[in-house]
């Protein structure tokens, strides 16, 4: 029964992650979304409320992080892994959000692609995917060491 509940938990969290992506235009303020569609190199940023945008990006990051942490807990059922993952998500936000704000403040002039990928790490659950893969590796190396 426990395994079925864990699988159901993973499925629910995955549906949650897909829903965040599917309803992104309804749930979050992201005027830069259209800017990054197509060839954005050399284009001018649209006018928008930076503070509102950054809060929306942080909320989306938090929602993706919570759902990713749910997946991590359901898969590994290890509180130590969960604690380390929370710390990594917090550090990620502390580093990436100010960096993204800097890119916005400078109109992505240094590197539009680097700004694009910084934003991508904030709005997509890529850090969660990397953590899950890293934890699978840790589990595998633990088992082979025994």
N, C-alpha and C. Protein backbone atom coordinates (compact mmCIF):
# COMPACT_ATOMS: atom_id res chain seq x y z
N UNK A 1 0.83 -1.20 0.00
CA UNK A 1 0.00 0.00 0.00
C UNK A 1 0.86 1.25 0.00
N UNK A 2 1.94 1.23 0.78
CA UNK A 2 2.82 2.40 0.87
C UNK A 2 3.38 2.78 -0.50
N UNK A 3 3.77 1.77 -1.29
CA UNK A 3 4.34 2.04 -2.61
C UNK A 3 3.30 2.68 -3.53
N UNK A 4 2.06 2.24 -3.44
CA UNK A 4 0.99 2.81 -4.26
C UNK A 4 0.75 4.27 -3.90
N UNK A 5 0.79 4.59 -2.61
CA UNK A 5 0.59 5.98 -2.17
C UNK A 5 1.74 6.85 -2.67
N UNK A 6 2.95 6.34 -2.62
CA UNK A 6 4.11 7.09 -3.11
C UNK A 6 4.01 7.34 -4.61
N UNK A 7 3.60 6.33 -5.36
CA UNK A 7 3.44 6.49 -6.81
C UNK A 7 2.35 7.52 -7.10
N UNK A 8 1.25 7.44 -6.37
CA UNK A 8 0.17 8.41 -6.53
C UNK A 8 0.67 9.82 -6.20
N UNK A 9 1.47 9.95 -5.17
CA UNK A 9 2.04 11.25 -4.81
C UNK A 9 2.90 11.83 -5.92
N UNK A 10 3.73 10.98 -6.53
CA UNK A 10 4.57 11.43 -7.65
C UNK A 10 3.68 11.87 -8.82
N UNK A 11 2.66 11.09 -9.13
CA UNK A 11 1.76 11.43 -10.23
C UNK A 11 1.05 12.75 -9.97
N UNK A 12 0.57 12.96 -8.76
CA UNK A 12 -0.12 14.20 -8.42
C UNK A 12 0.84 15.40 -8.56
N UNK A 13 2.05 15.24 -8.07
CA UNK A 13 3.03 16.33 -8.18
C UNK A 13 3.41 16.60 -9.64
N UNK A 14 3.53 15.56 -10.45
CA UNK A 14 3.82 15.74 -11.87
C UNK A 14 2.67 16.47 -12.57
N UNK A 15 1.44 16.11 -12.24
CA UNK A 15 0.28 16.81 -12.80
C UNK A 15 0.31 18.28 -12.36
N UNK A 16 0.71 18.51 -11.11
CA UNK A 16 0.85 19.88 -10.62
C UNK A 16 1.88 20.67 -11.41
N UNK A 17 3.03 20.06 -11.68
CA UNK A 17 4.06 20.73 -12.48
C UNK A 17 3.57 21.02 -13.90
N UNK A 18 2.86 20.06 -14.49
CA UNK A 18 2.31 20.28 -15.83
C UNK A 18 1.25 21.38 -15.82
N UNK A 19 0.48 21.45 -14.75
CA UNK A 19 -0.55 22.49 -14.63
C UNK A 19 0.06 23.88 -14.50
N UNK A 20 1.15 23.98 -13.76
CA UNK A 20 1.85 25.26 -13.65
C UNK A 20 2.26 25.74 -15.04
N UNK A 21 2.78 24.84 -15.83
CA UNK A 21 3.20 25.19 -17.20
C UNK A 21 2.00 25.49 -18.09
N UNK A 22 0.97 24.67 -18.02
CA UNK A 22 -0.21 24.83 -18.88
C UNK A 22 -0.95 26.13 -18.59
N UNK A 23 -1.05 26.50 -17.32
CA UNK A 23 -1.81 27.69 -16.92
C UNK A 23 -0.90 28.89 -16.63
N UNK A 24 0.31 28.88 -17.16
CA UNK A 24 1.27 29.93 -16.83
C UNK A 24 0.77 31.33 -17.16
N UNK A 25 0.07 31.50 -18.26
CA UNK A 25 -0.39 32.84 -18.62
C UNK A 25 -1.54 33.32 -17.74
N UNK A 26 -2.29 32.38 -17.17
CA UNK A 26 -3.40 32.75 -16.29
C UNK A 26 -2.94 32.95 -14.85
N UNK A 27 -1.95 32.19 -14.43
CA UNK A 27 -1.51 32.22 -13.03
C UNK A 27 -0.46 33.28 -12.72
N UNK A 28 0.38 33.61 -13.70
CA UNK A 28 1.54 34.44 -13.42
C UNK A 28 1.62 35.65 -14.34
N UNK A 29 2.16 36.73 -13.80
CA UNK A 29 2.41 37.95 -14.56
C UNK A 29 3.76 37.79 -15.23
N UNK A 30 3.76 37.59 -16.54
CA UNK A 30 5.01 37.38 -17.26
C UNK A 30 4.97 38.07 -18.62
N UNK A 31 5.16 39.40 -18.63
CA UNK A 31 5.12 40.14 -19.89
C UNK A 31 6.33 39.85 -20.78
N UNK A 32 7.35 39.23 -20.24
CA UNK A 32 8.54 38.92 -21.03
C UNK A 32 8.37 37.62 -21.80
N UNK A 33 7.33 36.88 -21.51
CA UNK A 33 7.10 35.59 -22.18
C UNK A 33 7.10 35.75 -23.70
N UNK A 34 6.39 36.73 -24.21
CA UNK A 34 6.33 36.93 -25.66
C UNK A 34 7.66 37.43 -26.21
N UNK A 35 8.43 38.15 -25.38
CA UNK A 35 9.74 38.64 -25.80
C UNK A 35 10.67 37.48 -26.16
N UNK A 36 10.61 36.41 -25.38
CA UNK A 36 11.51 35.29 -25.59
C UNK A 36 11.02 34.29 -26.65
N UNK A 37 9.83 34.48 -27.17
CA UNK A 37 9.36 33.62 -28.26
C UNK A 37 10.01 34.08 -29.55
N UNK A 38 10.51 33.15 -30.30
CA UNK A 38 11.17 33.49 -31.56
C UNK A 38 12.57 34.02 -31.32
N UNK A 39 13.03 34.86 -32.24
CA UNK A 39 14.38 35.41 -32.16
C UNK A 39 14.35 36.69 -31.35
N UNK A 40 14.76 36.62 -30.09
CA UNK A 40 14.71 37.77 -29.20
C UNK A 40 16.00 38.59 -29.23
N UNK A 41 17.02 38.11 -29.92
CA UNK A 41 18.29 38.81 -29.95
C UNK A 41 18.13 40.14 -30.68
N UNK A 42 18.53 41.19 -30.03
CA UNK A 42 18.46 42.52 -30.64
C UNK A 42 17.12 43.22 -30.46
N UNK A 43 16.13 42.53 -29.90
CA UNK A 43 14.82 43.16 -29.68
C UNK A 43 14.82 43.92 -28.38
N UNK A 44 13.96 44.92 -28.30
CA UNK A 44 13.83 45.73 -27.09
C UNK A 44 12.80 45.10 -26.17
N UNK A 45 13.08 45.15 -24.87
CA UNK A 45 12.15 44.62 -23.86
C UNK A 45 10.87 45.46 -23.85
N UNK A 46 9.73 44.81 -23.62
CA UNK A 46 8.48 45.58 -23.48
C UNK A 46 8.47 46.30 -22.12
N UNK A 47 7.61 47.30 -22.00
CA UNK A 47 7.44 47.99 -20.73
C UNK A 47 6.64 47.08 -19.79
N UNK A 48 7.06 47.00 -18.53
CA UNK A 48 6.35 46.17 -17.55
C UNK A 48 6.74 46.58 -16.14
N UNK A 49 5.97 46.09 -15.19
CA UNK A 49 6.23 46.34 -13.77
C UNK A 49 7.24 45.29 -13.28
N UNK A 50 8.49 45.71 -13.10
CA UNK A 50 9.57 44.79 -12.74
C UNK A 50 9.32 44.10 -11.41
N UNK A 51 8.88 44.86 -10.41
CA UNK A 51 8.66 44.27 -9.09
C UNK A 51 7.56 43.20 -9.15
N UNK A 52 6.48 43.49 -9.82
CA UNK A 52 5.39 42.52 -9.96
C UNK A 52 5.87 41.28 -10.71
N UNK A 53 6.69 41.51 -11.73
CA UNK A 53 7.23 40.39 -12.52
C UNK A 53 8.13 39.50 -11.67
N UNK A 54 9.03 40.11 -10.89
CA UNK A 54 9.95 39.33 -10.06
C UNK A 54 9.21 38.56 -8.97
N UNK A 55 8.19 39.17 -8.40
CA UNK A 55 7.38 38.45 -7.40
C UNK A 55 6.69 37.26 -8.04
N UNK A 56 6.17 37.45 -9.24
CA UNK A 56 5.51 36.36 -9.95
C UNK A 56 6.49 35.23 -10.28
N UNK A 57 7.68 35.61 -10.71
CA UNK A 57 8.72 34.61 -11.01
C UNK A 57 9.09 33.85 -9.74
N UNK A 58 9.24 34.55 -8.62
CA UNK A 58 9.58 33.90 -7.35
C UNK A 58 8.47 32.96 -6.90
N UNK A 59 7.22 33.36 -7.08
CA UNK A 59 6.10 32.48 -6.71
C UNK A 59 6.07 31.23 -7.58
N UNK A 60 6.34 31.41 -8.86
CA UNK A 60 6.37 30.24 -9.75
C UNK A 60 7.52 29.31 -9.38
N UNK A 61 8.66 29.88 -9.05
CA UNK A 61 9.81 29.09 -8.61
C UNK A 61 9.44 28.30 -7.36
N UNK A 62 8.79 28.99 -6.41
CA UNK A 62 8.40 28.34 -5.15
C UNK A 62 7.41 27.21 -5.39
N UNK A 63 6.44 27.43 -6.25
CA UNK A 63 5.46 26.39 -6.56
C UNK A 63 6.12 25.18 -7.21
N UNK A 64 7.00 25.44 -8.18
CA UNK A 64 7.74 24.34 -8.81
C UNK A 64 8.63 23.62 -7.80
N UNK A 65 9.24 24.39 -6.89
CA UNK A 65 10.11 23.79 -5.88
C UNK A 65 9.31 22.90 -4.93
N UNK A 66 8.16 23.37 -4.48
CA UNK A 66 7.32 22.58 -3.57
C UNK A 66 6.88 21.28 -4.23
N UNK A 67 6.46 21.36 -5.48
CA UNK A 67 6.03 20.15 -6.19
C UNK A 67 7.21 19.21 -6.43
N UNK A 68 8.36 19.77 -6.75
CA UNK A 68 9.57 18.95 -6.94
C UNK A 68 9.99 18.29 -5.62
N UNK A 69 9.88 19.03 -4.52
CA UNK A 69 10.19 18.45 -3.21
C UNK A 69 9.23 17.32 -2.87
N UNK A 70 7.97 17.47 -3.28
CA UNK A 70 7.00 16.39 -3.08
C UNK A 70 7.41 15.14 -3.84
N UNK A 71 7.88 15.32 -5.06
CA UNK A 71 8.34 14.18 -5.86
C UNK A 71 9.56 13.54 -5.19
N UNK A 72 10.50 14.37 -4.75
CA UNK A 72 11.71 13.86 -4.10
C UNK A 72 11.35 13.05 -2.86
N UNK A 73 10.43 13.56 -2.06
CA UNK A 73 10.05 12.84 -0.85
C UNK A 73 9.34 11.53 -1.19
N UNK A 74 8.43 11.57 -2.17
CA UNK A 74 7.70 10.35 -2.54
C UNK A 74 8.61 9.28 -3.12
N UNK A 75 9.61 9.70 -3.86
CA UNK A 75 10.51 8.72 -4.48
C UNK A 75 11.46 8.13 -3.43
N UNK A 76 12.11 8.99 -2.65
CA UNK A 76 13.19 8.53 -1.79
C UNK A 76 12.78 8.34 -0.33
N UNK A 77 11.72 9.00 0.09
CA UNK A 77 11.22 8.92 1.46
C UNK A 77 12.38 9.05 2.46
N UNK A 78 13.17 10.10 2.22
CA UNK A 78 14.38 10.34 3.02
C UNK A 78 14.37 11.82 3.42
N UNK A 79 14.22 12.09 4.72
CA UNK A 79 14.13 13.46 5.20
C UNK A 79 15.44 14.22 5.02
N UNK A 80 16.54 13.52 5.06
CA UNK A 80 17.84 14.17 4.85
C UNK A 80 17.93 14.68 3.41
N UNK A 81 17.51 13.89 2.45
CA UNK A 81 17.49 14.32 1.05
C UNK A 81 16.58 15.52 0.89
N UNK A 82 15.45 15.48 1.57
CA UNK A 82 14.48 16.57 1.49
C UNK A 82 15.08 17.87 2.06
N UNK A 83 15.74 17.78 3.20
CA UNK A 83 16.37 18.97 3.81
C UNK A 83 17.42 19.57 2.87
N UNK A 84 18.29 18.74 2.33
CA UNK A 84 19.32 19.22 1.42
C UNK A 84 18.71 19.83 0.16
N UNK A 85 17.64 19.24 -0.32
CA UNK A 85 16.97 19.76 -1.51
C UNK A 85 16.36 21.12 -1.23
N UNK A 86 15.76 21.29 -0.06
CA UNK A 86 15.20 22.60 0.32
C UNK A 86 16.32 23.64 0.34
N UNK A 87 17.44 23.30 0.92
CA UNK A 87 18.57 24.24 0.99
C UNK A 87 19.04 24.60 -0.41
N UNK A 88 19.14 23.63 -1.29
CA UNK A 88 19.59 23.88 -2.66
C UNK A 88 18.59 24.77 -3.39
N UNK A 89 17.29 24.53 -3.21
CA UNK A 89 16.28 25.39 -3.84
C UNK A 89 16.38 26.83 -3.32
N UNK A 90 16.59 27.00 -2.03
CA UNK A 90 16.70 28.35 -1.45
C UNK A 90 17.95 29.04 -1.99
N UNK A 91 19.06 28.35 -2.02
CA UNK A 91 20.30 28.92 -2.57
C UNK A 91 20.10 29.29 -4.04
N UNK A 92 19.42 28.42 -4.78
CA UNK A 92 19.14 28.71 -6.18
C UNK A 92 18.35 30.00 -6.35
N UNK A 93 17.34 30.19 -5.53
CA UNK A 93 16.53 31.41 -5.61
C UNK A 93 17.36 32.63 -5.22
N UNK A 94 18.17 32.49 -4.18
CA UNK A 94 19.00 33.61 -3.71
C UNK A 94 20.00 34.05 -4.78
N UNK A 95 20.50 33.11 -5.55
CA UNK A 95 21.47 33.44 -6.60
C UNK A 95 20.77 33.86 -7.89
N UNK A 96 19.79 33.10 -8.32
CA UNK A 96 19.21 33.33 -9.64
C UNK A 96 18.29 34.54 -9.74
N UNK A 97 17.49 34.82 -8.71
CA UNK A 97 16.55 35.94 -8.82
C UNK A 97 17.27 37.29 -8.93
N UNK A 98 18.26 37.59 -8.07
CA UNK A 98 18.99 38.86 -8.26
C UNK A 98 19.74 38.92 -9.60
N UNK A 99 20.27 37.79 -10.03
CA UNK A 99 20.94 37.74 -11.33
C UNK A 99 19.95 38.07 -12.45
N UNK A 100 18.78 37.48 -12.38
CA UNK A 100 17.74 37.76 -13.37
C UNK A 100 17.33 39.23 -13.32
N UNK A 101 17.19 39.78 -12.12
CA UNK A 101 16.84 41.20 -12.00
C UNK A 101 17.92 42.07 -12.65
N UNK A 102 19.17 41.70 -12.45
CA UNK A 102 20.26 42.44 -13.08
C UNK A 102 20.14 42.39 -14.60
N UNK A 103 19.83 41.20 -15.14
CA UNK A 103 19.65 41.09 -16.58
C UNK A 103 18.51 42.00 -17.06
N UNK A 104 17.42 42.03 -16.32
CA UNK A 104 16.30 42.90 -16.69
C UNK A 104 16.72 44.37 -16.63
N UNK A 105 17.39 44.75 -15.53
CA UNK A 105 17.81 46.14 -15.36
C UNK A 105 18.76 46.60 -16.46
N UNK A 106 19.53 45.68 -17.01
CA UNK A 106 20.47 46.02 -18.08
C UNK A 106 19.92 45.66 -19.46
N UNK A 107 18.63 45.40 -19.54
CA UNK A 107 17.96 45.04 -20.81
C UNK A 107 18.62 43.85 -21.51
N UNK A 108 19.15 42.92 -20.72
CA UNK A 108 19.79 41.72 -21.25
C UNK A 108 20.95 42.07 -22.19
N UNK A 109 21.58 43.23 -21.97
CA UNK A 109 22.61 43.71 -22.89
C UNK A 109 23.90 42.89 -22.84
N UNK A 110 24.25 42.36 -21.67
CA UNK A 110 25.48 41.57 -21.58
C UNK A 110 25.36 40.27 -22.37
N UNK A 111 24.27 39.54 -22.13
CA UNK A 111 24.08 38.27 -22.81
C UNK A 111 22.60 37.89 -22.79
N UNK A 112 21.88 38.14 -23.89
CA UNK A 112 20.46 37.78 -23.92
C UNK A 112 20.23 36.28 -23.68
N UNK A 113 21.11 35.46 -24.18
CA UNK A 113 20.95 34.01 -24.00
C UNK A 113 21.16 33.60 -22.54
N UNK A 114 22.14 34.18 -21.88
CA UNK A 114 22.38 33.87 -20.47
C UNK A 114 21.19 34.34 -19.63
N UNK A 115 20.64 35.50 -19.96
CA UNK A 115 19.44 35.98 -19.29
C UNK A 115 18.27 35.06 -19.52
N UNK A 116 18.14 34.56 -20.75
CA UNK A 116 17.08 33.62 -21.10
C UNK A 116 17.20 32.35 -20.27
N UNK A 117 18.40 31.80 -20.15
CA UNK A 117 18.57 30.56 -19.41
C UNK A 117 18.45 30.76 -17.90
N UNK A 118 18.84 31.92 -17.41
CA UNK A 118 18.62 32.22 -15.99
C UNK A 118 17.13 32.22 -15.71
N UNK A 119 16.37 32.88 -16.58
CA UNK A 119 14.91 32.91 -16.44
C UNK A 119 14.34 31.50 -16.52
N UNK A 120 14.86 30.70 -17.43
CA UNK A 120 14.38 29.34 -17.61
C UNK A 120 14.56 28.52 -16.34
N UNK A 121 15.71 28.67 -15.67
CA UNK A 121 15.93 27.95 -14.41
C UNK A 121 14.95 28.40 -13.33
N UNK A 122 14.51 29.65 -13.40
CA UNK A 122 13.57 30.15 -12.41
C UNK A 122 12.14 29.69 -12.67
N UNK A 123 11.74 29.57 -13.93
CA UNK A 123 10.33 29.29 -14.22
C UNK A 123 10.04 27.84 -14.54
N UNK A 124 11.07 27.05 -14.78
CA UNK A 124 10.87 25.63 -15.08
C UNK A 124 11.43 24.79 -13.93
N UNK A 125 10.95 23.58 -13.75
CA UNK A 125 11.43 22.75 -12.63
C UNK A 125 12.75 22.02 -12.94
N UNK A 126 13.65 22.71 -13.65
CA UNK A 126 14.90 22.06 -14.05
C UNK A 126 15.78 21.70 -12.87
N UNK A 127 15.82 22.56 -11.86
CA UNK A 127 16.62 22.25 -10.67
C UNK A 127 16.08 21.00 -9.98
N UNK A 128 14.78 20.84 -9.94
CA UNK A 128 14.17 19.64 -9.37
C UNK A 128 14.57 18.39 -10.12
N UNK A 129 14.59 18.48 -11.44
CA UNK A 129 14.97 17.33 -12.26
C UNK A 129 16.43 16.96 -11.99
N UNK A 130 17.29 17.97 -11.92
CA UNK A 130 18.71 17.72 -11.65
C UNK A 130 18.88 17.09 -10.27
N UNK A 131 18.14 17.59 -9.29
CA UNK A 131 18.24 17.02 -7.93
C UNK A 131 17.78 15.57 -7.90
N UNK A 132 16.69 15.26 -8.56
CA UNK A 132 16.19 13.89 -8.59
C UNK A 132 17.22 12.96 -9.21
N UNK A 133 17.81 13.38 -10.33
CA UNK A 133 18.83 12.56 -10.97
C UNK A 133 20.05 12.40 -10.07
N UNK A 134 20.46 13.48 -9.40
CA UNK A 134 21.60 13.41 -8.49
C UNK A 134 21.32 12.46 -7.32
N UNK A 135 20.11 12.51 -6.80
CA UNK A 135 19.76 11.63 -5.68
C UNK A 135 19.68 10.16 -6.12
N UNK A 136 19.22 9.92 -7.33
CA UNK A 136 19.25 8.55 -7.85
C UNK A 136 20.70 8.06 -7.93
N UNK A 137 21.61 8.94 -8.34
CA UNK A 137 23.02 8.59 -8.41
C UNK A 137 23.57 8.28 -7.02
N UNK A 138 23.21 9.11 -6.04
CA UNK A 138 23.64 8.88 -4.65
C UNK A 138 23.14 7.52 -4.17
N UNK A 139 21.87 7.22 -4.43
CA UNK A 139 21.30 5.93 -4.03
C UNK A 139 22.05 4.77 -4.69
N UNK A 140 22.35 4.94 -5.97
CA UNK A 140 23.04 3.86 -6.70
C UNK A 140 24.45 3.65 -6.13
N UNK A 141 25.17 4.73 -5.84
CA UNK A 141 26.51 4.58 -5.30
C UNK A 141 26.49 4.02 -3.88
N UNK A 142 25.45 4.33 -3.12
CA UNK A 142 25.31 3.75 -1.77
C UNK A 142 25.12 2.25 -1.86
N UNK A 143 24.28 1.81 -2.79
CA UNK A 143 24.00 0.37 -2.94
C UNK A 143 25.22 -0.38 -3.45
N UNK A 144 25.96 0.23 -4.37
CA UNK A 144 27.14 -0.47 -4.92
C UNK A 144 28.29 -0.49 -3.92
N UNK A 145 28.31 0.43 -2.97
CA UNK A 145 29.35 0.46 -1.94
C UNK A 145 29.10 -0.58 -0.86
N UNK A 146 27.89 -1.09 -0.76
CA UNK A 146 27.57 -2.06 0.30
C UNK A 146 27.96 -3.45 -0.07
